[in-house]
Amino acid sequence: MRIMVKSEKVSTEITTKGNAVHSQAAAVDTGDDFPMAFKVNVRENTPYKPGLYDLAPSCFRVGRFGGLELDPYNIRLIPVELARAPAAK
């Protein structure tokens, strides 16, 4: 499953508690006719560069009923070329 980022533009929203949440537009290729757009949270000054990404293993967790799920507060993207690189010896 590939994640596509097309722009380094970061949007900022202020929560009801006054916290700033920074996000960037991305899309996941699910194999359907069109990719599914979503927002990925980023630090204010560290957007993802345009390109293709995979989900980092740390994005997954086991839910309260034992099933695998994405952790919505810990989405991290790995550039495809780094995800494919051989492990260091």
Protein backbone atom coordinates (compact mmCIF):
# COMPACT_ATOMS: atom_id res chain seq x y z
CA MET A 1 0.00 0.00 0.00
CA ARG A 2 1.67 3.21 -1.15
CA ILE A 3 1.20 6.69 0.27
CA MET A 4 1.59 9.62 -2.13
CA VAL A 5 2.59 13.13 -1.10
CA LYS A 6 2.39 15.80 -3.80
CA SER A 7 3.15 19.02 -1.91
CA GLU A 8 5.09 20.21 1.13
CA LYS A 9 2.24 22.60 2.04
CA VAL A 10 1.30 22.32 5.73
CA SER A 11 -2.11 23.34 7.07
CA THR A 12 -2.54 24.46 10.67
CA GLU A 13 -5.73 24.16 12.70
CA ILE A 14 -6.28 25.33 16.26
CA THR A 15 -8.13 22.90 18.53
CA THR A 16 -10.82 23.96 20.99
CA LYS A 17 -8.13 23.74 23.70
CA GLY A 18 -5.92 26.19 21.80
CA ASN A 19 -3.37 23.67 20.53
CA ALA A 20 -1.99 23.95 17.00
CA VAL A 21 -2.27 20.80 14.86
CA HIS A 22 -0.18 20.77 11.68
CA SER A 23 -1.11 18.42 8.84
CA GLN A 24 -0.19 17.69 5.26
CA ALA A 25 -2.31 16.31 2.43
CA ALA A 26 -1.53 12.76 1.30
CA ALA A 27 -3.31 9.91 -0.46
CA VAL A 28 -3.22 6.14 -0.19
CA ASP A 29 -3.39 3.95 -3.27
CA THR A 30 -5.90 1.24 -2.31
CA GLY A 31 -6.03 -0.25 -5.80
CA ASP A 32 -9.35 1.42 -6.65
CA ASP A 33 -9.80 3.82 -9.57
CA PHE A 34 -8.82 6.84 -7.46
CA PRO A 35 -6.49 7.24 -4.47
CA MET A 36 -8.05 7.96 -1.06
CA ALA A 37 -7.04 11.41 0.24
CA PHE A 38 -6.28 11.92 3.93
CA LYS A 39 -4.28 14.18 6.28
CA VAL A 40 -1.10 13.13 8.03
CA ASN A 41 0.01 15.07 11.10
CA VAL A 42 3.47 16.64 10.89
CA ARG A 43 5.65 18.88 12.99
CA GLU A 44 5.26 22.50 11.93
CA ASN A 45 8.58 22.85 10.13
CA THR A 46 9.12 19.26 8.93
CA PRO A 47 6.71 18.39 6.12
CA TYR A 48 7.20 15.26 4.03
CA LYS A 49 8.77 15.92 0.64
CA PRO A 50 6.73 15.04 -2.47
CA GLY A 51 7.13 11.37 -3.33
CA LEU A 52 6.06 7.81 -2.49
CA TYR A 53 6.06 6.42 1.03
CA ASP A 54 5.26 3.28 3.01
CA LEU A 55 3.81 3.20 6.50
CA ALA A 56 6.40 2.77 9.26
CA PRO A 57 5.96 -0.40 11.38
CA SER A 58 5.44 1.85 14.43
CA CYS A 59 2.10 3.00 12.90
CA PHE A 60 0.46 -0.27 13.88
CA ARG A 61 -0.81 -1.40 17.25
CA VAL A 62 -2.96 -4.15 18.71
CA GLY A 63 -6.42 -2.90 19.63
CA ARG A 64 -8.28 -3.65 22.84
CA PHE A 65 -9.91 -6.73 21.25
CA GLY A 66 -6.61 -8.12 19.94
CA GLY A 67 -6.95 -6.98 16.32
CA LEU A 68 -4.36 -5.08 14.32
CA GLU A 69 -5.12 -1.40 13.75
CA LEU A 70 -3.45 1.84 12.73
CA ASP A 71 -2.54 4.16 15.58
CA PRO A 72 -4.12 7.46 14.45
CA TYR A 73 -1.76 9.47 16.67
CA ASN A 74 1.43 7.80 15.44
CA ILE A 75 1.30 7.82 11.62
CA ARG A 76 4.84 7.94 10.26
CA LEU A 77 5.89 7.64 6.64
CA ILE A 78 9.09 6.08 5.28
CA PRO A 79 10.30 7.07 1.79
CA VAL A 80 10.03 4.05 -0.52
CA GLU A 81 13.75 4.05 -1.32
CA LEU A 82 14.60 3.84 2.43
CA ALA A 83 11.98 1.16 3.05
CA ARG A 84 13.60 -1.03 0.39
CA ALA A 85 17.21 -0.45 1.48
CA PRO A 86 18.96 -3.56 2.85
CA ALA A 87 19.51 -3.67 6.60
CA ALA A 88 22.96 -2.62 7.80
CA LYS A 89 25.23 -5.39 9.06
